[in-house]
Amino acid sequence: MIRPYFNFQQFPVNKFLYLVIIFSFLLLTNCSVVDPVGIWKSSEKEIRRVADLEKKQKAIVNTEKIYTGDNTFLEEKNLTSKIILSKPKKVLEWEMSGLNYQNSLGNIYLSGSANNFLKKKIGKNKFNYANVMDPPLISNNRIYFSDNNGTIFSTNQIGDVIWKKNIYKKLYKKIYKNLSLAIYKKNIYVSDNIGFIYSISIDNGKLNWIKNHGIPLKSKIKVFKDKIFLINQDNRIISLNSNNGSLVWNIRSIPSFIKLQNLLSIAISNQGHLVSIDTSGTLTKANTKDGRIFWTINIADSVYAHSTDFFTATNVVINNNKVFVSTTSSITSLDLTTGSNVWTLKISSADTPIISGENMFIVTKNGFFVIININSGEIISSKNILNILKKKKRETQVSGFIMGSDKIYSLTSNGYSIVCSAITGKPESFIKIGGVITSAPIISNGNLYIRTKKSKIFGFN
């Protein structure tokens, strides 16, 4: 290291000032730029933690390749009762995962899907094994999303990048980043599978604050009444102050190991009650103000109760006074007030169940479009929609779906969009999007948005 040299006889100043100058110079020449909250210092502990995360991510790949334990539904059933849908609602903003605090999608107004007005590659998903991505967010006619390198993009409606932001230093370069975003009070709140939580300005991507939780975050982020809500890898539900990331409260459930990439879900009722599901299959209802628990119930089948490595769940949905959630092997309806079971059906949805009128609409991973009565849990229609594709294209899975103006738009992992009537339950048409699709679609301002694994974003109307 080069030491500073000063000839004291050349400078007519006192020795105290010399010491101040030398000390300041040594600090500047031996220290790198440190983040104001101190999270970027690469301590030995953090280096070991990151190396362990990298090993676990590689182990996830092998686990997913051999696991085929999803509940397979193969029954077709003709429609047994008339379907009455709620009127399509126009959604202008999509500012959080699941659209709203209740993750209640319903029948959303869609102007059409024939015109492809947006097709652009933005970002770089360099981790090929990353099979789960959050859909984009829409606010004030701008689109916000991230790639699996951890870069967040803000674009206009035709895909021109307005700004981009990446907070990760070299230490985290080899780690796949699974980010969850939420827009709240002109800021974007971000959590990741490394353990970082931070806030950036929606206007320019400028960092407001950042915290290193030290434990991977394993849920989609919700921000409600100036509080951030998340679930970490240890199944601890945490509440943070949205202004600075400081801890407000936390509660812990049964810890378990997570070996899948999907993010856990949080829903918040109109009364301010949080309902979450963890990797042990436990649903918890708590007060968002202080974390006080109202009830907990485990809905995992016994086959998964002691082997939760493969437990997955879609978004928890709150509709009126009912809670709905689809897990690896079943869909369950519970009473929001008491947590008591209303019904359980041995079928699994590929994405968030959609409720419109008195019915629930789901699509299974193996391609069955199923309509269920939400009061009784009875299946009133079931059709294999993959049969509309050519035979050699049917070997695929459904990665997501949404209801747009009385129709269900289902996306397949091999790049197709299949359109079904939500009234008849039958498939009507399909189009080839192109590329592997690994995230659910969204609808905003009458437009349908789809992202592919290769970081392409499509817009249809």
Protein backbone atom coordinates (compact mmCIF):
# COMPACT_ATOMS: atom_id res chain seq x y z
CA MET A 1 0.00 0.00 0.00
CA ILE A 2 1.31 3.52 -0.83
CA ARG A 3 1.66 5.60 2.35
CA PRO A 4 1.09 9.39 2.23
CA TYR A 5 4.24 11.44 2.62
CA PHE A 6 4.28 14.91 4.15
CA ASN A 7 7.30 17.19 4.74
CA PHE A 8 6.23 18.93 7.92
CA GLN A 9 8.82 21.70 7.43
CA GLN A 10 7.08 22.83 4.22
CA PHE A 11 3.76 23.53 5.91
CA PRO A 12 3.46 26.21 8.61
CA VAL A 13 0.54 24.54 10.42
CA ASN A 14 0.28 22.79 13.77
CA LYS A 15 0.86 19.07 14.34
CA PHE A 16 -2.78 18.45 15.25
CA LEU A 17 -3.85 19.50 11.76
CA TYR A 18 -1.18 17.18 10.29
CA LEU A 19 -2.70 14.27 12.16
CA VAL A 20 -6.20 15.15 10.93
CA ILE A 21 -5.03 15.35 7.30
CA ILE A 22 -3.10 12.06 7.48
CA PHE A 23 -5.93 10.22 9.22
CA SER A 24 -8.46 11.45 6.64
CA PHE A 25 -6.19 10.46 3.77
CA LEU A 26 -5.70 6.96 5.15
CA LEU A 27 -9.46 6.52 5.48
CA LEU A 28 -10.05 7.57 1.88
CA THR A 29 -7.30 5.39 0.43
CA ASN A 30 -8.11 2.23 2.40
CA CYS A 31 -11.91 2.21 2.45
CA SER A 32 -14.36 1.52 -0.35
CA VAL A 33 -17.62 3.41 -0.65
CA VAL A 34 -19.96 2.13 2.06
CA ASP A 35 -23.73 2.24 1.82
CA PRO A 36 -25.19 4.62 4.44
CA VAL A 37 -27.05 1.76 6.14
CA GLY A 38 -23.97 -0.46 6.11
CA ILE A 39 -25.41 -3.42 4.23
CA TRP A 40 -22.84 -3.65 1.46
CA LYS A 41 -19.83 -4.52 3.61
CA SER A 42 -18.80 -8.00 2.44
CA SER A 43 -18.20 -9.61 5.81
CA GLU A 44 -17.03 -13.20 6.00
CA LYS A 45 -20.45 -14.14 7.35
CA GLU A 46 -22.21 -12.58 4.34
CA ILE A 47 -19.79 -14.21 1.90
CA ARG A 48 -20.49 -17.63 3.45
CA ARG A 49 -24.24 -16.97 3.39
CA VAL A 50 -24.18 -16.08 -0.32
CA ALA A 51 -22.11 -19.17 -1.15
CA ASP A 52 -24.66 -21.29 0.70
CA LEU A 53 -27.51 -19.66 -1.23
CA GLU A 54 -25.78 -20.44 -4.51
CA LYS A 55 -25.45 -24.12 -3.56
CA LYS A 56 -29.10 -24.31 -2.52
CA GLN A 57 -30.26 -22.77 -5.81
CA LYS A 58 -28.38 -25.45 -7.74
CA ALA A 59 -29.98 -28.09 -5.54
CA ILE A 60 -33.42 -26.67 -6.39
CA VAL A 61 -32.81 -27.42 -10.06
CA ASN A 62 -32.24 -31.11 -9.39
CA THR A 63 -35.26 -31.27 -7.07
CA GLU A 64 -37.61 -29.75 -9.64
CA LYS A 65 -36.42 -32.05 -12.39
CA ILE A 66 -37.27 -35.22 -10.47
CA TYR A 67 -40.42 -34.09 -8.65
CA THR A 68 -43.72 -35.10 -10.26
CA GLY A 69 -45.98 -35.28 -7.23
CA ASP A 70 -48.64 -32.73 -8.21
CA ASN A 71 -52.23 -33.87 -7.86
CA THR A 72 -53.23 -34.83 -11.41
CA PHE A 73 -56.81 -34.11 -12.42
CA LEU A 74 -58.11 -35.97 -15.51
CA GLU A 75 -61.91 -35.73 -15.36
CA GLU A 76 -63.97 -34.01 -18.05
CA LYS A 77 -67.48 -32.91 -17.18
CA ASN A 78 -70.13 -31.13 -19.24
CA LEU A 79 -71.59 -27.93 -17.83
CA THR A 80 -74.35 -28.72 -15.32
CA SER A 81 -75.69 -25.25 -14.49
CA LYS A 82 -75.90 -21.79 -16.01
CA ILE A 83 -72.90 -19.51 -15.48
CA ILE A 84 -73.65 -15.90 -14.56
CA LEU A 85 -70.61 -13.63 -14.47
CA SER A 86 -70.13 -10.26 -12.84
CA LYS A 87 -69.82 -7.33 -15.23
CA PRO A 88 -66.24 -6.84 -16.52
CA LYS A 89 -64.52 -4.17 -14.44
CA LYS A 90 -61.99 -1.77 -15.93
CA VAL A 91 -58.61 -1.95 -14.22
CA LEU A 92 -56.37 1.06 -14.84
CA GLU A 93 -53.56 0.30 -12.40
CA TRP A 94 -51.95 -3.02 -11.42
CA GLU A 95 -49.73 -1.96 -8.54
CA MET A 96 -49.14 -5.16 -6.59
CA SER A 97 -49.03 -8.90 -7.00
CA GLY A 98 -52.58 -10.24 -7.22
CA LEU A 99 -53.91 -6.81 -8.35
CA ASN A 100 -55.29 -5.83 -4.93
CA TYR A 101 -54.92 -6.62 -1.22
CA GLN A 102 -57.42 -9.48 -1.42
CA ASN A 103 -55.82 -11.03 -4.57
CA SER A 104 -59.35 -11.06 -5.95
CA LEU A 105 -59.12 -10.74 -9.73
CA GLY A 106 -62.65 -11.32 -11.02
CA ASN A 107 -63.85 -10.49 -14.52
CA ILE A 108 -61.59 -7.73 -15.91
CA TYR A 109 -62.40 -5.62 -18.96
CA LEU A 110 -60.24 -6.53 -21.98
CA SER A 111 -60.67 -4.68 -25.26
CA GLY A 112 -59.36 -7.64 -27.27
CA SER A 113 -56.29 -9.76 -27.93
CA ALA A 114 -55.87 -9.70 -31.71
CA ASN A 115 -53.60 -6.66 -31.95
CA ASN A 116 -50.02 -7.14 -30.77
CA PHE A 117 -48.97 -3.56 -29.94
CA LEU A 118 -45.93 -4.43 -27.82
CA LYS A 119 -43.22 -7.02 -28.43
CA LYS A 120 -39.84 -6.18 -27.00
CA LYS A 121 -36.93 -7.83 -25.23
CA ILE A 122 -35.99 -5.85 -22.12
CA GLY A 123 -33.41 -7.05 -19.63
CA LYS A 124 -31.56 -10.32 -19.54
CA ASN A 125 -32.68 -13.48 -17.76
CA LYS A 126 -29.34 -15.28 -17.68
CA PHE A 127 -30.41 -17.98 -15.21
CA ASN A 128 -32.03 -20.60 -17.42
CA TYR A 129 -33.27 -22.73 -14.52
CA ALA A 130 -35.37 -19.87 -13.10
CA ASN A 131 -38.91 -21.02 -13.87
CA VAL A 132 -40.95 -18.54 -11.84
CA MET A 133 -41.32 -14.83 -12.55
CA ASP A 134 -43.66 -12.19 -11.19
CA PRO A 135 -45.80 -10.45 -13.84
CA PRO A 136 -45.23 -6.74 -14.50
CA LEU A 137 -46.88 -3.89 -12.63
CA ILE A 138 -48.70 -1.00 -14.30
CA SER A 139 -49.04 2.51 -12.88
CA ASN A 140 -49.76 5.82 -14.58
CA ASN A 141 -49.23 4.25 -18.04
CA ARG A 142 -45.78 2.97 -17.14
CA ILE A 143 -44.72 -0.68 -16.92
CA TYR A 144 -42.46 -1.93 -14.11
CA PHE A 145 -40.79 -5.34 -13.89
CA SER A 146 -37.47 -7.04 -13.12
CA ASP A 147 -35.25 -9.65 -14.73
CA ASN A 148 -33.60 -12.46 -12.80
CA ASN A 149 -30.33 -10.53 -12.59
CA GLY A 150 -32.15 -8.19 -10.23
CA THR A 151 -32.49 -5.19 -12.56
CA ILE A 152 -35.75 -3.28 -12.27
CA PHE A 153 -37.05 -1.52 -15.40
CA SER A 154 -39.48 1.30 -15.94
CA THR A 155 -40.81 1.55 -19.51
CA ASN A 156 -43.56 3.32 -21.39
CA GLN A 157 -46.39 1.51 -23.17
CA ILE A 158 -44.28 0.78 -26.26
CA GLY A 159 -41.36 -0.62 -24.28
CA ASP A 160 -38.96 2.34 -24.27
CA VAL A 161 -36.86 2.17 -21.10
CA ILE A 162 -37.28 5.27 -18.93
CA TRP A 163 -34.94 4.13 -16.15
CA LYS A 164 -33.42 0.96 -14.73
CA LYS A 165 -31.98 0.11 -11.34
CA ASN A 166 -29.79 -2.72 -10.00
CA ILE A 167 -28.64 -2.57 -6.37
CA TYR A 168 -26.57 -5.79 -6.35
CA LYS A 169 -22.80 -5.80 -6.07
CA LYS A 170 -20.42 -8.40 -7.50
CA LEU A 171 -20.74 -10.70 -4.48
CA TYR A 172 -24.32 -11.56 -5.56
CA LYS A 173 -23.60 -11.95 -9.27
CA LYS A 174 -24.04 -15.74 -9.38
CA ILE A 175 -27.28 -15.72 -7.39
CA TYR A 176 -30.60 -15.93 -9.23
CA LYS A 177 -32.75 -13.02 -8.03
CA ASN A 178 -36.47 -13.56 -7.62
CA LEU A 179 -37.88 -10.08 -6.93
CA SER A 180 -41.35 -9.15 -5.76
CA LEU A 181 -42.50 -5.56 -6.38
CA ALA A 182 -45.30 -3.41 -5.01
CA ILE A 183 -46.12 0.23 -5.75
CA TYR A 184 -47.21 2.39 -2.82
CA LYS A 185 -47.30 6.18 -2.45
CA LYS A 186 -45.08 6.87 -5.48
CA ASN A 187 -42.42 4.40 -4.40
CA ILE A 188 -41.62 0.84 -5.48
CA TYR A 189 -41.02 -1.59 -2.63
CA VAL A 190 -38.87 -4.60 -3.41
CA SER A 191 -38.05 -7.86 -1.63
CA ASP A 192 -35.86 -10.68 -2.90
CA ASN A 193 -34.82 -14.28 -2.31
CA ILE A 194 -31.44 -13.17 -0.94
CA GLY A 195 -32.84 -11.17 1.97
CA PHE A 196 -32.82 -7.56 0.79
CA ILE A 197 -35.77 -5.22 1.21
CA TYR A 198 -35.59 -1.76 -0.29
CA SER A 199 -37.55 1.21 -1.57
CA ILE A 200 -36.91 3.18 -4.76
CA SER A 201 -38.59 6.20 -6.30
CA ILE A 202 -41.16 5.34 -8.96
CA ASP A 203 -40.13 8.44 -10.95
CA ASN A 204 -36.41 7.77 -11.41
CA GLY A 205 -35.44 4.56 -9.58
CA LYS A 206 -33.43 6.45 -6.96
CA LEU A 207 -32.78 4.38 -3.83
CA ASN A 208 -34.67 5.63 -0.77
CA TRP A 209 -33.46 3.02 1.75
CA ILE A 210 -32.30 -0.58 1.87
CA LYS A 211 -32.14 -3.29 4.53
CA ASN A 212 -30.39 -6.66 4.58
CA HIS A 213 -32.77 -8.98 6.43
CA GLY A 214 -30.07 -11.68 6.41
CA ILE A 215 -32.59 -14.43 5.61
CA PRO A 216 -34.14 -15.03 2.16
CA LEU A 217 -37.63 -13.59 1.72
CA LYS A 218 -40.05 -16.16 0.37
CA SER A 219 -43.31 -14.28 -0.18
CA LYS A 220 -44.84 -11.71 -2.44
CA ILE A 221 -44.66 -8.27 -0.89
CA LYS A 222 -47.67 -6.30 0.29
CA VAL A 223 -47.59 -2.68 1.53
CA PHE A 224 -50.63 -1.57 3.54
CA LYS A 225 -51.15 1.53 5.69
CA ASP A 226 -47.44 2.38 5.81
CA LYS A 227 -46.40 -1.17 6.70
CA ILE A 228 -44.60 -3.80 4.60
CA PHE A 229 -45.64 -7.44 5.02
CA LEU A 230 -43.46 -10.41 4.08
CA ILE A 231 -42.71 -14.02 4.99
CA ASN A 232 -39.11 -15.17 5.27
CA GLN A 233 -37.53 -18.56 4.70
CA ASP A 234 -38.05 -19.53 8.35
CA ASN A 235 -41.81 -18.99 7.98
CA ARG A 236 -41.63 -15.83 10.08
CA ILE A 237 -44.23 -13.21 9.13
CA ILE A 238 -42.64 -9.78 9.42
CA SER A 239 -44.05 -6.26 9.39
CA LEU A 240 -41.75 -3.35 8.54
CA ASN A 241 -42.13 0.42 8.52
CA SER A 242 -42.49 1.50 4.88
CA ASN A 243 -40.62 4.76 5.54
CA ASN A 244 -37.33 3.21 6.63
CA GLY A 245 -37.63 -0.60 6.75
CA SER A 246 -37.45 -0.84 10.54
CA LEU A 247 -39.14 -3.81 12.22
CA VAL A 248 -42.66 -3.23 13.55
CA TRP A 249 -43.55 -6.78 14.61
CA ASN A 250 -42.96 -10.39 13.65
CA ILE A 251 -44.61 -13.74 14.34
CA ARG A 252 -43.27 -17.20 13.68
CA SER A 253 -44.93 -20.33 12.36
CA ILE A 254 -43.56 -23.86 12.02
CA PRO A 255 -40.19 -23.71 10.22
CA SER A 256 -39.61 -25.89 7.16
CA PHE A 257 -37.29 -26.18 4.18
CA ILE A 258 -38.25 -24.56 0.88
CA LYS A 259 -36.91 -26.14 -2.31
CA LEU A 260 -39.20 -24.56 -4.87
CA GLN A 261 -38.99 -21.15 -6.46
CA ASN A 262 -42.59 -20.02 -6.12
CA LEU A 263 -43.30 -17.20 -3.68
CA LEU A 264 -45.71 -17.55 -0.77
CA SER A 265 -48.82 -15.41 -0.58
CA ILE A 266 -50.26 -12.72 1.68
CA ALA A 267 -53.78 -11.27 1.48
CA ILE A 268 -55.27 -8.43 3.52
CA SER A 269 -59.00 -8.08 4.18
CA ASN A 270 -60.99 -4.86 4.07
CA GLN A 271 -60.94 -4.92 7.88
CA GLY A 272 -57.12 -4.89 7.92
CA HIS A 273 -56.64 -8.55 8.79
CA LEU A 274 -53.73 -10.39 7.20
CA VAL A 275 -54.12 -13.96 5.94
CA SER A 276 -50.97 -15.79 4.88
CA ILE A 277 -49.86 -19.30 4.03
CA ASP A 278 -46.45 -20.73 4.83
CA THR A 279 -44.44 -23.70 3.59
CA SER A 280 -45.83 -26.05 6.23
CA GLY A 281 -49.31 -25.49 4.76
CA THR A 282 -50.45 -23.37 7.70
CA LEU A 283 -52.88 -20.52 7.11
CA THR A 284 -52.62 -17.70 9.66
CA LYS A 285 -54.95 -14.79 10.25
CA ALA A 286 -53.37 -11.88 12.13
CA ASN A 287 -53.98 -8.22 12.87
CA THR A 288 -51.88 -5.98 10.61
CA LYS A 289 -51.52 -3.40 13.40
CA ASP A 290 -49.78 -5.50 16.04
CA GLY A 291 -49.42 -9.06 14.70
CA ARG A 292 -51.99 -10.49 17.09
CA ILE A 293 -53.06 -13.93 15.81
CA PHE A 294 -56.77 -14.68 15.44
CA TRP A 295 -56.48 -18.26 14.17
CA THR A 296 -54.20 -20.74 12.45
CA ILE A 297 -55.10 -23.88 10.53
CA ASN A 298 -53.00 -26.38 8.62
CA ILE A 299 -54.49 -27.38 5.26
CA ALA A 300 -51.64 -29.54 3.91
CA ASP A 301 -52.44 -33.19 3.22
CA SER A 302 -50.75 -35.69 5.52
CA VAL A 303 -48.51 -36.79 2.64
CA TYR A 304 -47.04 -33.27 2.62
CA ALA A 305 -47.42 -32.36 6.29
CA HIS A 306 -44.09 -33.95 7.24
CA SER A 307 -42.38 -33.51 3.91
CA THR A 308 -42.95 -29.88 3.02
CA ASP A 309 -40.05 -29.63 0.58
CA PHE A 310 -42.54 -29.80 -2.30
CA PHE A 311 -45.41 -27.80 -0.84
CA THR A 312 -46.63 -24.99 -3.10
CA ALA A 313 -49.60 -22.66 -2.99
CA THR A 314 -51.18 -20.02 -5.20
CA ASN A 315 -52.22 -16.59 -4.00
CA VAL A 316 -54.55 -16.62 -1.03
CA VAL A 317 -57.86 -15.07 -2.16
CA ILE A 318 -60.28 -13.23 0.11
CA ASN A 319 -63.79 -12.87 -1.30
CA ASN A 320 -66.58 -11.51 0.90
CA ASN A 321 -66.15 -13.47 4.15
CA LYS A 322 -64.40 -16.47 2.62
CA VAL A 323 -60.76 -17.44 2.13
CA PHE A 324 -59.73 -19.58 -0.86
CA VAL A 325 -56.35 -21.12 -1.52
CA SER A 326 -55.04 -23.77 -3.90
CA THR A 327 -52.12 -25.89 -2.70
CA THR A 328 -50.11 -28.71 -4.22
CA SER A 329 -52.96 -31.16 -3.89
CA SER A 330 -56.24 -29.35 -3.10
CA ILE A 331 -58.36 -26.22 -3.08
CA THR A 332 -59.76 -25.16 0.27
CA SER A 333 -62.48 -22.70 1.25
CA LEU A 334 -62.52 -21.35 4.81
CA ASP A 335 -64.59 -18.93 6.83
CA LEU A 336 -62.58 -15.71 7.23
CA THR A 337 -63.92 -14.96 10.72
CA THR A 338 -63.42 -18.35 12.36
CA GLY A 339 -61.00 -20.20 10.09
CA SER A 340 -63.38 -23.15 9.93
CA ASN A 341 -63.32 -25.32 6.81
CA VAL A 342 -66.20 -24.80 4.36
CA TRP A 343 -65.09 -27.32 1.76
CA THR A 344 -61.99 -28.97 0.30
CA LEU A 345 -61.67 -30.26 -3.24
CA LYS A 346 -58.91 -32.61 -4.41
CA ILE A 347 -57.77 -30.53 -7.32
CA SER A 348 -54.93 -28.04 -7.77
CA SER A 349 -54.86 -24.77 -9.70
CA ALA A 350 -51.89 -23.62 -11.77
CA ASP A 351 -52.46 -20.02 -10.71
CA THR A 352 -54.65 -17.82 -8.52
CA PRO A 353 -58.30 -19.00 -8.51
CA ILE A 354 -60.61 -16.43 -10.09
CA ILE A 355 -64.03 -15.74 -8.61
CA SER A 356 -66.87 -14.14 -10.55
CA GLY A 357 -70.48 -14.36 -9.47
CA GLU A 358 -71.09 -17.61 -7.60
CA ASN A 359 -68.33 -19.54 -9.32
CA MET A 360 -64.59 -20.09 -9.16
CA PHE A 361 -62.55 -20.54 -12.33
CA ILE A 362 -59.26 -22.42 -12.34
CA VAL A 363 -56.97 -24.12 -14.84
CA THR A 364 -54.86 -27.06 -13.68
CA LYS A 365 -51.23 -27.40 -14.65
CA ASN A 366 -52.09 -30.31 -16.93
CA GLY A 367 -54.61 -28.17 -18.83
CA PHE A 368 -58.10 -28.73 -17.42
CA PHE A 369 -60.31 -25.63 -17.28
CA VAL A 370 -62.56 -26.20 -14.27
CA ILE A 371 -65.56 -24.23 -13.00
CA ILE A 372 -66.49 -24.71 -9.33
CA ASN A 373 -69.45 -23.48 -7.29
CA ILE A 374 -67.92 -21.40 -4.48
CA ASN A 375 -70.68 -22.23 -1.98
CA SER A 376 -70.66 -26.03 -2.28
CA GLY A 377 -67.27 -26.81 -3.86
CA GLU A 378 -69.04 -28.79 -6.59
CA ILE A 379 -67.35 -29.06 -9.99
CA ILE A 380 -69.91 -27.94 -12.56
CA SER A 381 -67.71 -28.03 -15.66
CA SER A 382 -64.34 -29.41 -16.71
CA LYS A 383 -62.64 -29.42 -20.12
CA ASN A 384 -59.16 -30.38 -21.28
CA ILE A 385 -58.18 -27.21 -23.15
CA LEU A 386 -54.81 -28.55 -24.36
CA ASN A 387 -56.70 -30.75 -26.84
CA ILE A 388 -57.21 -27.66 -28.99
CA LEU A 389 -53.48 -27.72 -29.77
CA LYS A 390 -51.82 -30.05 -32.24
CA LYS A 391 -50.98 -33.37 -30.63
CA LYS A 392 -47.24 -32.81 -30.48
CA LYS A 393 -47.78 -29.45 -28.74
CA ARG A 394 -49.90 -30.85 -25.92
CA GLU A 395 -46.92 -32.00 -23.86
CA THR A 396 -46.79 -28.82 -21.83
CA GLN A 397 -48.09 -27.18 -18.67
CA VAL A 398 -50.28 -24.19 -17.94
CA SER A 399 -48.20 -21.45 -16.31
CA GLY A 400 -50.92 -18.87 -15.66
CA PHE A 401 -54.37 -17.61 -16.58
CA ILE A 402 -56.69 -14.62 -16.23
CA MET A 403 -60.30 -13.70 -16.98
CA GLY A 404 -60.81 -10.91 -19.50
CA SER A 405 -64.31 -9.84 -20.61
CA ASP A 406 -66.01 -13.22 -20.02
CA LYS A 407 -63.11 -15.29 -21.39
CA ILE A 408 -60.27 -17.19 -19.76
CA TYR A 409 -56.81 -16.64 -21.24
CA SER A 410 -54.50 -19.52 -20.32
CA LEU A 411 -50.77 -19.44 -21.00
CA THR A 412 -48.70 -22.56 -21.57
CA SER A 413 -45.03 -23.08 -20.81
CA ASN A 414 -44.38 -23.82 -24.51
CA GLY A 415 -45.61 -20.38 -25.54
CA TYR A 416 -49.33 -20.62 -26.39
CA SER A 417 -52.32 -18.58 -25.25
CA ILE A 418 -55.57 -20.59 -25.20
CA VAL A 419 -58.86 -18.68 -25.08
CA CYS A 420 -61.90 -20.29 -23.43
CA SER A 421 -65.42 -19.11 -22.81
CA ALA A 422 -66.04 -18.60 -19.09
CA ILE A 423 -69.76 -19.06 -19.76
CA THR A 424 -69.66 -22.39 -21.66
CA GLY A 425 -66.38 -23.71 -20.27
CA LYS A 426 -65.16 -24.62 -23.75
CA PRO A 427 -61.90 -23.66 -25.53
CA GLU A 428 -62.48 -21.40 -28.53
CA SER A 429 -59.12 -20.46 -30.04
CA PHE A 430 -55.39 -20.23 -29.47
CA ILE A 431 -52.41 -18.19 -30.64
CA LYS A 432 -48.67 -18.78 -30.53
CA ILE A 433 -46.96 -16.15 -28.39
CA GLY A 434 -43.43 -17.47 -28.81
CA GLY A 435 -40.91 -18.47 -26.16
CA VAL A 436 -41.34 -20.14 -22.81
CA ILE A 437 -43.92 -18.39 -20.62
CA THR A 438 -43.21 -18.59 -16.89
CA SER A 439 -45.41 -15.87 -15.37
CA ALA A 440 -49.11 -15.14 -15.14
CA PRO A 441 -50.70 -12.57 -17.49
CA ILE A 442 -52.18 -9.28 -16.28
CA ILE A 443 -54.76 -6.88 -17.73
CA SER A 444 -54.58 -3.11 -17.37
CA ASN A 445 -56.47 -0.36 -19.19
CA GLY A 446 -58.01 -2.94 -21.52
CA ASN A 447 -54.61 -4.40 -22.51
CA LEU A 448 -53.27 -7.90 -21.92
CA TYR A 449 -49.59 -8.15 -20.89
CA ILE A 450 -47.47 -11.31 -21.06
CA ARG A 451 -43.81 -11.93 -20.20
CA THR A 452 -41.62 -14.79 -21.43
CA LYS A 453 -38.65 -16.52 -19.85
CA LYS A 454 -36.27 -14.78 -22.28
CA SER A 455 -37.29 -11.39 -20.85
CA LYS A 456 -39.63 -10.44 -23.68
CA ILE A 457 -42.76 -8.48 -22.89
CA PHE A 458 -45.88 -8.60 -25.08
CA GLY A 459 -48.92 -6.35 -25.13
CA PHE A 460 -52.27 -7.22 -26.80
CA ASN A 461 -55.55 -5.39 -27.25
